[in-house]
Amino acid sequence: MLELTDTQISTWVASFILPLFRVAAVLMTMPIFGTTLVPTRVRLYFAVAITVVIVPGLPPMPPVSPLDLSGLLLIAEQIIIGALFGMALQLFFQAFVVAGQIIAIQMGMAFASMVDPANGVNVAVVSQFLTMLVTLLFLSMNGHLVVFEVLTESFTTLPVGGGLLVNHYWDLVAHMAWMLGAALLLVLPAITALLVVNIAFGVMTRAAPQLNIFAIGFPLTLVLGMAIFWIGLADILSHYQTLASEALQWLRELARAR
């Protein structure tokens, strides 16, 4: 008759439950999979499936009862680590959202907003377009596979029960500043061109005060802004590759992966 001890049961439970919470936290917070477009039940199924696949190759987990205080602390640690990975990817995607919002304001399309089905908030149409474009590029270039690879390596570089790296979490604040800087660099050519257009309209107003600048300037700025945005899309792939490489490299450094 097969007899199991409490230690064996705790080891088996911990070897699956602890990685499951880290994987689930990543899927709940990362872009694409962590949006409201993917039902919570589907995300949970994905987390269970990924955990079942990676558990055999993970280092041994500490034997702990999930209902003890030490077990609850380890579960909280895995949730924090997974949520941090997801937030790092969210900042990468939000850089393009902020860039689209800046362009929309400069070209006079800030009023043209729509409900973002992923987050449930109103965003500019330009931001929504860039978000869909970056999502397609991220999936087509297997960015999600790189994330899962780093997540798997994190169980070796950031073992369960190894403690939280406070210095790495302070880097998240610096990464937020990087996100704003990346968004500004992304839209700098469009902002400069639209600034020249606005200066030209200002000179026209001073030269011919009787000219109704509101009737002419607004539609012309909108058309020129759309043309500038369309021309700038020719270089969007190089910007995406640069920002994606920096974001994924920062994710590896966060996990201390190779």
Protein backbone atom coordinates (compact mmCIF):
# COMPACT_ATOMS: atom_id res chain seq x y z
CA MET A 1 0.00 0.00 0.00
CA LEU A 2 1.35 3.41 -0.97
CA GLU A 3 1.94 5.66 1.99
CA LEU A 4 2.68 9.36 1.68
CA THR A 5 4.09 11.53 4.41
CA ASP A 6 3.21 15.15 5.05
CA THR A 7 6.66 16.20 3.83
CA GLN A 8 6.22 14.43 0.50
CA ILE A 9 2.79 15.93 -0.02
CA SER A 10 4.07 19.41 0.89
CA THR A 11 6.97 19.03 -1.53
CA TRP A 12 4.70 17.98 -4.39
CA VAL A 13 2.24 20.77 -3.68
CA ALA A 14 4.99 23.40 -3.40
CA SER A 15 6.68 22.23 -6.61
CA PHE A 16 3.52 23.12 -8.52
CA ILE A 17 1.71 25.79 -6.50
CA LEU A 18 4.64 28.20 -6.04
CA PRO A 19 5.61 28.34 -9.75
CA LEU A 20 1.93 28.59 -10.65
CA PHE A 21 1.51 31.83 -8.71
CA ARG A 22 4.52 33.44 -10.41
CA VAL A 23 3.38 32.38 -13.88
CA ALA A 24 -0.20 33.45 -13.19
CA ALA A 25 0.93 36.86 -11.91
CA VAL A 26 2.86 37.45 -15.13
CA LEU A 27 -0.09 36.47 -17.32
CA MET A 28 -2.46 38.62 -15.28
CA THR A 29 -0.35 41.79 -15.61
CA MET A 30 1.55 41.56 -18.90
CA PRO A 31 0.21 43.15 -22.09
CA ILE A 32 -1.89 41.17 -24.59
CA PHE A 33 -2.57 38.22 -22.26
CA GLY A 34 -3.29 40.39 -19.23
CA THR A 35 -5.94 42.55 -20.86
CA THR A 36 -9.69 42.29 -20.44
CA LEU A 37 -9.92 40.84 -23.96
CA VAL A 38 -8.66 37.53 -22.56
CA PRO A 39 -11.06 36.13 -19.94
CA THR A 40 -9.63 35.43 -16.50
CA ARG A 41 -10.51 31.75 -16.78
CA VAL A 42 -8.56 31.45 -20.04
CA ARG A 43 -5.55 33.16 -18.46
CA LEU A 44 -5.74 30.73 -15.56
CA TYR A 45 -5.82 27.79 -17.97
CA PHE A 46 -2.76 29.20 -19.75
CA ALA A 47 -0.97 29.58 -16.41
CA VAL A 48 -1.71 25.97 -15.42
CA ALA A 49 -0.61 24.66 -18.82
CA ILE A 50 2.66 26.63 -18.78
CA THR A 51 3.38 25.58 -15.20
CA VAL A 52 2.83 21.89 -16.01
CA VAL A 53 5.28 22.19 -18.91
CA ILE A 54 8.10 24.01 -17.05
CA VAL A 55 7.87 22.34 -13.61
CA PRO A 56 9.94 19.24 -14.55
CA GLY A 57 12.90 21.44 -15.50
CA LEU A 58 12.78 23.75 -12.48
CA PRO A 59 15.12 23.50 -9.46
CA PRO A 60 13.72 21.85 -6.31
CA MET A 61 11.21 23.94 -4.40
CA PRO A 62 11.40 24.38 -0.63
CA PRO A 63 9.03 22.02 1.21
CA VAL A 64 6.40 24.22 2.76
CA SER A 65 2.72 24.02 3.60
CA PRO A 66 0.70 26.51 1.55
CA LEU A 67 -1.50 27.24 4.56
CA ASP A 68 1.33 28.16 6.93
CA LEU A 69 2.58 31.71 7.34
CA SER A 70 5.85 30.84 5.62
CA GLY A 71 3.92 29.37 2.70
CA LEU A 72 1.75 32.47 2.38
CA LEU A 73 4.85 34.67 2.40
CA LEU A 74 6.41 32.60 -0.39
CA ILE A 75 3.20 32.86 -2.41
CA ALA A 76 3.16 36.64 -1.92
CA GLU A 77 6.80 36.77 -3.04
CA GLN A 78 5.98 34.90 -6.27
CA ILE A 79 3.04 37.20 -6.98
CA ILE A 80 5.20 40.31 -6.51
CA ILE A 81 7.96 38.98 -8.77
CA GLY A 82 5.50 37.98 -11.49
CA ALA A 83 3.62 41.28 -11.28
CA LEU A 84 6.91 43.17 -11.59
CA PHE A 85 7.75 41.32 -14.80
CA GLY A 86 4.32 42.17 -16.19
CA MET A 87 4.64 45.84 -15.22
CA ALA A 88 8.00 46.06 -16.99
CA LEU A 89 6.34 44.92 -20.21
CA GLN A 90 3.39 47.24 -19.65
CA LEU A 91 5.76 50.22 -19.55
CA PHE A 92 7.14 49.21 -22.95
CA PHE A 93 3.65 49.17 -24.50
CA GLN A 94 2.59 52.36 -22.71
CA ALA A 95 5.48 54.23 -24.34
CA PHE A 96 3.67 53.92 -27.68
CA VAL A 97 0.35 54.84 -26.07
CA VAL A 98 1.87 58.05 -24.68
CA ALA A 99 3.50 58.76 -28.04
CA GLY A 100 0.17 58.43 -29.81
CA GLN A 101 -1.50 60.69 -27.26
CA ILE A 102 1.15 63.39 -27.76
CA ILE A 103 0.80 63.25 -31.54
CA ALA A 104 -3.00 63.41 -31.29
CA ILE A 105 -2.84 66.52 -29.10
CA GLN A 106 -0.40 68.28 -31.42
CA MET A 107 -2.39 67.56 -34.58
CA GLY A 108 -5.77 68.38 -33.03
CA MET A 109 -7.15 64.84 -32.84
CA ALA A 110 -7.29 64.59 -29.06
CA PHE A 111 -11.09 64.78 -29.28
CA ALA A 112 -11.12 61.68 -31.54
CA SER A 113 -11.04 59.05 -28.82
CA MET A 114 -12.47 55.58 -28.50
CA VAL A 115 -12.84 53.01 -25.76
CA ASP A 116 -9.79 50.80 -25.53
CA PRO A 117 -11.24 47.26 -25.30
CA ALA A 118 -8.06 46.02 -23.65
CA ASN A 119 -8.08 48.42 -20.69
CA GLY A 120 -11.62 49.80 -20.73
CA VAL A 121 -10.61 53.50 -20.87
CA ASN A 122 -10.88 56.20 -23.51
CA VAL A 123 -7.71 56.72 -25.53
CA ALA A 124 -6.93 58.65 -28.67
CA VAL A 125 -7.44 56.85 -31.96
CA VAL A 126 -3.77 57.33 -32.81
CA SER A 127 -2.77 55.65 -29.54
CA GLN A 128 -5.13 52.76 -30.24
CA PHE A 129 -3.65 52.35 -33.72
CA LEU A 130 -0.09 52.28 -32.36
CA THR A 131 -1.12 49.81 -29.66
CA MET A 132 -2.55 47.38 -32.21
CA LEU A 133 0.52 47.81 -34.41
CA VAL A 134 2.95 47.13 -31.55
CA THR A 135 0.89 44.13 -30.44
CA LEU A 136 1.13 42.57 -33.89
CA LEU A 137 4.86 43.27 -34.09
CA PHE A 138 5.41 41.84 -30.60
CA LEU A 139 3.63 38.59 -31.44
CA SER A 140 5.08 38.24 -34.94
CA MET A 141 8.63 38.63 -33.62
CA ASN A 142 8.04 36.07 -30.84
CA GLY A 143 8.40 38.57 -28.04
CA HIS A 144 6.00 36.52 -25.91
CA LEU A 145 8.29 33.50 -26.25
CA VAL A 146 11.23 35.57 -24.98
CA VAL A 147 9.12 36.59 -21.98
CA PHE A 148 8.29 32.96 -21.17
CA GLU A 149 11.98 32.04 -21.55
CA VAL A 150 13.03 34.74 -19.09
CA LEU A 151 10.22 33.67 -16.77
CA THR A 152 11.49 30.08 -16.79
CA GLU A 153 15.09 31.17 -16.17
CA SER A 154 13.96 33.37 -13.31
CA PHE A 155 13.25 30.30 -11.18
CA THR A 156 16.99 29.60 -11.31
CA THR A 157 18.30 33.16 -11.05
CA LEU A 158 15.58 34.25 -8.61
CA PRO A 159 14.86 31.01 -6.72
CA VAL A 160 11.76 30.60 -4.63
CA GLY A 161 12.54 31.73 -1.10
CA GLY A 162 15.60 33.68 -2.20
CA GLY A 163 14.13 36.98 -1.05
CA LEU A 164 13.02 40.08 -2.91
CA LEU A 165 15.60 42.26 -4.62
CA VAL A 166 14.69 45.73 -3.45
CA ASN A 167 17.28 47.40 -5.67
CA HIS A 168 15.71 45.84 -8.75
CA TYR A 169 12.30 47.15 -7.81
CA TRP A 170 13.64 50.66 -7.43
CA ASP A 171 14.82 50.29 -11.02
CA LEU A 172 11.16 50.23 -12.01
CA VAL A 173 10.94 53.95 -11.20
CA ALA A 174 13.90 54.62 -13.48
CA HIS A 175 12.22 52.52 -16.16
CA MET A 176 9.13 54.74 -15.94
CA ALA A 177 11.32 57.75 -16.72
CA TRP A 178 12.83 55.79 -19.60
CA MET A 179 9.33 55.12 -20.92
CA LEU A 180 8.49 58.84 -21.01
CA GLY A 181 11.81 59.64 -22.68
CA ALA A 182 11.28 56.90 -25.27
CA ALA A 183 7.80 58.24 -26.05
CA LEU A 184 9.17 61.76 -26.55
CA LEU A 185 11.97 60.54 -28.82
CA LEU A 186 9.45 58.52 -30.81
CA VAL A 187 7.28 61.56 -31.59
CA LEU A 188 9.99 64.22 -31.71
CA PRO A 189 10.05 64.47 -35.55
CA ALA A 190 6.25 64.80 -35.72
CA ILE A 191 6.19 67.37 -32.91
CA THR A 192 8.90 69.43 -34.62
CA ALA A 193 7.10 69.37 -37.97
CA LEU A 194 3.77 70.35 -36.41
CA LEU A 195 5.48 73.10 -34.44
CA VAL A 196 6.78 74.57 -37.69
CA VAL A 197 3.24 74.42 -39.11
CA ASN A 198 1.82 76.23 -36.09
CA ILE A 199 4.53 78.90 -36.29
CA ALA A 200 3.67 79.39 -39.97
CA PHE A 201 0.02 79.90 -39.07
CA GLY A 202 1.05 82.40 -36.41
CA VAL A 203 3.03 84.40 -38.95
CA MET A 204 0.07 84.30 -41.35
CA THR A 205 -2.21 85.61 -38.63
CA ARG A 206 0.11 88.53 -37.92
CA ALA A 207 0.52 89.31 -41.63
CA ALA A 208 -3.21 89.08 -42.43
CA PRO A 209 -5.33 89.66 -39.29
CA GLN A 210 -8.53 89.45 -41.32
CA LEU A 211 -7.75 85.83 -42.17
CA ASN A 212 -9.93 83.41 -40.20
CA ILE A 213 -7.14 81.21 -38.90
CA PHE A 214 -9.51 78.93 -36.99
CA ALA A 215 -11.46 78.03 -40.12
CA ILE A 216 -8.32 77.35 -42.15
CA GLY A 217 -5.70 76.35 -39.60
CA PHE A 218 -7.57 73.56 -37.83
CA PRO A 219 -8.42 71.37 -40.86
CA LEU A 220 -5.06 72.09 -42.47
CA THR A 221 -3.19 71.14 -39.27
CA LEU A 222 -5.23 67.96 -39.08
CA VAL A 223 -4.45 67.00 -42.69
CA LEU A 224 -0.77 67.84 -42.36
CA GLY A 225 -0.62 65.98 -39.06
CA MET A 226 -2.06 62.85 -40.67
CA ALA A 227 0.45 63.14 -43.51
CA ILE A 228 3.36 63.58 -41.09
CA PHE A 229 2.15 60.63 -39.03
CA TRP A 230 1.87 58.47 -42.16
CA ILE A 231 5.39 59.40 -43.24
CA GLY A 232 6.72 58.69 -39.75
CA LEU A 233 5.29 55.16 -39.85
CA ALA A 234 7.97 54.26 -42.37
CA ASP A 235 10.51 54.32 -39.53
CA ILE A 236 8.32 52.75 -36.84
CA LEU A 237 9.94 49.30 -37.20
CA SER A 238 13.40 50.57 -36.29
CA HIS A 239 12.00 52.42 -33.26
CA TYR A 240 10.12 49.31 -32.19
CA GLN A 241 13.21 47.10 -32.48
CA THR A 242 15.27 49.51 -30.40
CA LEU A 243 12.68 49.91 -27.67
CA ALA A 244 11.78 46.20 -27.63
CA SER A 245 15.45 45.22 -27.31
CA GLU A 246 15.93 47.61 -24.40
CA ALA A 247 12.72 46.47 -22.68
CA LEU A 248 13.49 42.76 -22.99
CA GLN A 249 17.10 43.31 -21.96
CA TRP A 250 15.91 45.19 -18.89
CA LEU A 251 13.55 42.31 -18.17
CA ARG A 252 16.51 39.90 -18.26
CA GLU A 253 18.50 42.14 -15.97
CA LEU A 254 15.52 42.30 -13.65
CA ALA A 255 15.44 38.52 -13.50
CA ARG A 256 19.24 38.37 -13.45
CA ALA A 257 18.99 35.96 -16.39
CA ARG A 258 21.76 35.37 -18.88
